[in-house]
């Protein structure tokens, strides 16, 4: 294998998404998708075995979510750039991803047009941040002292809050995240406590009011 090639590791739990991303970069002569992973364990095994130019990481992974995996990667491989790929808006996860060490954040719908450009910018030492996300990051700099309630939530709590607001049942959320129902309710109780709320309806209203998800 040519050592000058940009060596890409794609991490997404859907094979069809990984195949689509591979096709996007297939025509680039200096890029190669040399590894694929569908869960956190496979990602960490591949990182240990080989040297990579960039990791493209889906935020919605089974078990440990993308932000948790991102933090693990940055702890063990601080110089390895990670591009977060997500179906969610910048408002929902973009700021958290950048603060956790991501070199860029790209919505999946934008990948066909922007993925190659994002990879090139990041491997050359830059950050790939949309104008929307740049504005949000600028806003947060002025809000540090006036932290919004949801910013006190952990990444997992934030993820569950958004799932509740989307109308998913406790069983659906527990199944998606590979956690027990009891664990789900533990997280839900923490969310209610941190947000000073009493019901899923209040959670949903809060998420809509703060535009944390796209409906």
Protein backbone atom coordinates (compact mmCIF):
# COMPACT_ATOMS: atom_id res chain seq x y z
CA UNK A 1 0.00 0.00 0.00
CA UNK A 2 1.23 3.48 -0.90
CA UNK A 3 2.31 5.19 2.33
CA UNK A 4 1.44 8.58 0.85
CA UNK A 5 -2.23 7.74 0.66
CA UNK A 6 -4.73 9.17 3.11
CA UNK A 7 -5.67 6.05 5.08
CA UNK A 8 -9.28 6.21 6.28
CA UNK A 9 -11.07 4.21 8.96
CA UNK A 10 -14.87 4.36 8.66
CA UNK A 11 -16.91 3.60 11.79
CA UNK A 12 -20.65 3.22 11.31
CA UNK A 13 -22.97 0.43 12.42
CA UNK A 14 -24.77 0.33 9.06
CA UNK A 15 -22.97 -1.51 6.24
CA UNK A 16 -24.91 0.42 3.58
CA UNK A 17 -23.68 3.74 5.01
CA UNK A 18 -20.07 2.51 5.07
CA UNK A 19 -20.42 1.39 1.44
CA UNK A 20 -21.83 4.76 0.44
CA UNK A 21 -18.95 6.62 2.09
CA UNK A 22 -16.43 4.33 0.37
CA UNK A 23 -17.98 5.16 -2.99
CA UNK A 24 -17.70 8.91 -2.26
CA UNK A 25 -13.90 8.66 -1.85
CA UNK A 26 -13.35 5.83 -4.39
CA UNK A 27 -12.40 8.18 -7.22
CA UNK A 28 -9.77 10.00 -5.15
CA UNK A 29 -6.43 8.48 -6.12
CA UNK A 30 -4.71 9.60 -2.91
CA UNK A 31 -7.36 8.22 -0.53
CA UNK A 32 -8.15 4.69 0.59
CA UNK A 33 -10.74 3.29 3.01
CA UNK A 34 -8.48 0.70 4.62
CA UNK A 35 -10.72 -0.29 7.51
CA UNK A 36 -14.35 -0.49 8.62
CA UNK A 37 -15.84 -0.83 12.08
CA UNK A 38 -19.40 -1.31 13.31
CA UNK A 39 -18.84 -0.91 17.06
CA UNK A 40 -16.46 0.56 19.64
CA UNK A 41 -14.51 -2.65 20.20
CA UNK A 42 -13.68 -3.06 16.51
CA UNK A 43 -12.64 0.60 16.25
CA UNK A 44 -10.20 0.35 19.14
CA UNK A 45 -8.76 -2.95 17.84
CA UNK A 46 -8.10 -1.43 14.41
CA UNK A 47 -6.55 1.69 15.92
CA UNK A 48 -4.19 -0.47 17.94
CA UNK A 49 -3.10 -2.58 14.97
CA UNK A 50 -2.51 0.08 12.31
CA UNK A 51 -1.67 3.74 11.72
CA UNK A 52 -4.48 5.87 10.30
CA UNK A 53 -4.71 9.31 8.70
CA UNK A 54 -8.29 9.97 9.84
CA UNK A 55 -11.28 8.31 11.48
CA UNK A 56 -14.79 9.01 10.17
CA UNK A 57 -17.05 8.25 13.11
CA UNK A 58 -20.84 8.04 13.22
CA UNK A 59 -22.32 9.58 16.34
CA UNK A 60 -25.09 7.01 16.68
CA UNK A 61 -23.16 3.82 17.47
CA UNK A 62 -24.48 0.82 19.44
CA UNK A 63 -23.40 0.47 23.07
CA UNK A 64 -20.95 3.33 23.52
CA UNK A 65 -22.08 6.29 21.42
CA UNK A 66 -19.86 8.24 19.06
CA UNK A 67 -19.00 10.99 21.54
CA UNK A 68 -17.89 8.47 24.16
CA UNK A 69 -15.78 6.65 21.56
CA UNK A 70 -14.36 10.00 20.40
CA UNK A 71 -13.18 10.76 23.94
CA UNK A 72 -11.53 7.32 24.16
CA UNK A 73 -9.75 7.88 20.83
CA UNK A 74 -8.49 11.34 21.81
CA UNK A 75 -7.22 10.04 25.13
CA UNK A 76 -5.20 7.22 23.53
CA UNK A 77 -4.37 8.86 20.18
CA UNK A 78 -4.51 12.63 20.76
CA UNK A 79 -2.99 13.46 17.36
CA UNK A 80 -5.37 11.29 15.32
CA UNK A 81 -8.02 13.48 13.64
CA UNK A 82 -11.64 12.39 13.89
CA UNK A 83 -14.46 13.62 11.64
CA UNK A 84 -17.87 13.13 13.24
CA UNK A 85 -20.58 12.15 10.78
CA UNK A 86 -24.15 12.52 11.96
CA UNK A 87 -27.77 12.58 10.87
CA UNK A 88 -28.35 15.14 13.64
CA UNK A 89 -28.12 18.91 13.34
CA UNK A 90 -25.15 20.97 14.49
CA UNK A 91 -27.30 22.38 17.30
CA UNK A 92 -27.82 18.92 18.71
CA UNK A 93 -24.32 17.44 18.77
CA UNK A 94 -21.91 19.68 16.87
CA UNK A 95 -20.68 21.78 19.78
CA UNK A 96 -20.31 18.73 22.04
CA UNK A 97 -18.32 16.93 19.34
CA UNK A 98 -15.89 19.80 18.77
CA UNK A 99 -15.44 20.33 22.53
CA UNK A 100 -14.71 16.61 22.89
CA UNK A 101 -11.86 16.85 20.38
CA UNK A 102 -13.40 16.23 16.94
CA UNK A 103 -11.64 17.89 14.01
CA UNK A 104 -14.92 18.35 12.17
CA UNK A 105 -18.65 17.71 12.15
CA UNK A 106 -20.56 16.81 9.00
CA UNK A 107 -24.22 15.93 8.55
CA UNK A 108 -24.76 12.71 6.57
CA UNK A 109 -26.95 14.47 4.01
CA UNK A 110 -23.97 16.69 3.16
CA UNK A 111 -21.47 13.82 2.85
CA UNK A 112 -21.77 13.21 -0.93
CA UNK A 113 -20.83 16.83 -1.65
CA UNK A 114 -18.53 17.69 1.25
CA UNK A 115 -16.83 14.54 2.56
CA UNK A 116 -13.72 14.66 0.36
CA UNK A 117 -13.23 18.38 1.04
CA UNK A 118 -13.64 17.77 4.78
CA UNK A 119 -11.10 14.92 4.80
CA UNK A 120 -8.52 16.98 2.91
CA UNK A 121 -8.90 19.98 5.19
CA UNK A 122 -8.64 17.89 8.37
CA UNK A 123 -5.62 15.76 7.34
CA UNK A 124 -3.82 19.00 6.44
CA UNK A 125 -4.24 20.17 10.02
CA UNK A 126 -7.44 22.19 9.70
CA UNK A 127 -10.92 21.94 11.19
CA UNK A 128 -14.03 21.29 9.14
CA UNK A 129 -16.82 23.33 10.69
CA UNK A 130 -19.91 24.59 8.88
CA UNK A 131 -20.89 28.23 9.09
CA UNK A 132 -23.90 27.27 11.24
CA UNK A 133 -21.68 25.44 13.73
CA UNK A 134 -19.10 28.24 13.73
CA UNK A 135 -21.86 30.67 14.72
CA UNK A 136 -23.04 28.32 17.47
CA UNK A 137 -19.49 27.97 18.83
CA UNK A 138 -19.11 31.74 18.85
CA UNK A 139 -22.38 32.04 20.76
CA UNK A 140 -21.26 29.55 23.40
CA UNK A 141 -18.15 31.60 24.15
CA UNK A 142 -20.41 34.35 25.41
CA UNK A 143 -22.65 31.96 27.32
CA UNK A 144 -20.08 30.17 29.47
CA UNK A 145 -21.19 32.00 32.61
CA UNK A 146 -24.86 31.54 31.74
CA UNK A 147 -24.80 27.79 31.10
CA UNK A 148 -28.07 26.41 29.75
CA UNK A 149 -29.57 23.58 31.80
CA UNK A 150 -29.01 20.90 29.13
CA UNK A 151 -25.29 21.71 29.02
CA UNK A 152 -25.02 20.15 32.49
CA UNK A 153 -26.09 16.78 31.05
CA UNK A 154 -23.58 14.07 30.19
CA UNK A 155 -23.37 12.98 26.55
CA UNK A 156 -25.47 9.89 27.28
CA UNK A 157 -28.07 11.91 29.20
CA UNK A 158 -28.24 14.41 26.34
CA UNK A 159 -28.72 11.58 23.84
CA UNK A 160 -31.56 10.06 25.89
CA UNK A 161 -33.22 13.45 26.39
CA UNK A 162 -33.35 13.96 22.62
CA UNK A 163 -34.68 10.43 22.07
CA UNK A 164 -37.45 11.04 24.62
CA UNK A 165 -38.35 14.27 22.81
CA UNK A 166 -38.61 12.33 19.54
CA UNK A 167 -41.41 10.29 21.13
CA UNK A 168 -39.50 7.04 21.46
CA UNK A 169 -40.59 4.62 24.18
CA UNK A 170 -38.39 3.53 27.08
CA UNK A 171 -38.08 0.09 25.45
CA UNK A 172 -37.06 1.55 22.08
CA UNK A 173 -34.40 3.78 23.62
CA UNK A 174 -33.00 1.02 25.83
CA UNK A 175 -32.82 -1.31 22.83
CA UNK A 176 -31.11 1.29 20.59
CA UNK A 177 -28.49 2.09 23.23
CA UNK A 178 -28.03 -1.54 24.35
CA UNK A 179 -28.87 -0.71 27.97
CA UNK A 180 -31.40 -2.17 30.40
CA UNK A 181 -34.77 -0.55 31.11
CA UNK A 182 -33.62 0.10 34.68
CA UNK A 183 -30.54 1.91 33.38
CA UNK A 184 -32.73 3.98 31.06
CA UNK A 185 -34.91 5.09 33.98
CA UNK A 186 -31.82 5.93 36.02
CA UNK A 187 -30.67 8.23 33.22
CA UNK A 188 -34.16 9.68 32.82
CA UNK A 189 -34.37 10.49 36.52
CA UNK A 190 -31.00 12.26 36.35
CA UNK A 191 -32.21 14.29 33.36
CA UNK A 192 -35.39 15.33 35.18
CA UNK A 193 -33.38 16.27 38.25
CA UNK A 194 -30.76 18.30 36.37
CA UNK A 195 -33.40 20.12 34.32
CA UNK A 196 -35.73 20.58 37.33
CA UNK A 197 -38.56 18.84 35.48
CA UNK A 198 -41.17 16.22 36.30
CA UNK A 199 -42.27 14.59 33.03
CA UNK A 200 -41.41 13.58 29.48
CA UNK A 201 -43.77 16.29 28.24
CA UNK A 202 -41.65 18.96 29.94
CA UNK A 203 -38.50 17.40 28.45
CA UNK A 204 -40.05 17.46 24.97
CA UNK A 205 -41.17 21.09 25.32
CA UNK A 206 -37.68 22.08 26.48
CA UNK A 207 -35.99 20.34 23.53
CA UNK A 208 -38.36 21.97 21.04
CA UNK A 209 -38.01 25.40 22.64
CA UNK A 210 -34.22 25.21 22.46
CA UNK A 211 -34.24 23.73 18.93
CA UNK A 212 -32.07 20.79 19.96
CA UNK A 213 -33.44 18.41 17.34
CA UNK A 214 -34.87 18.64 13.83
CA UNK A 215 -38.51 17.58 13.62
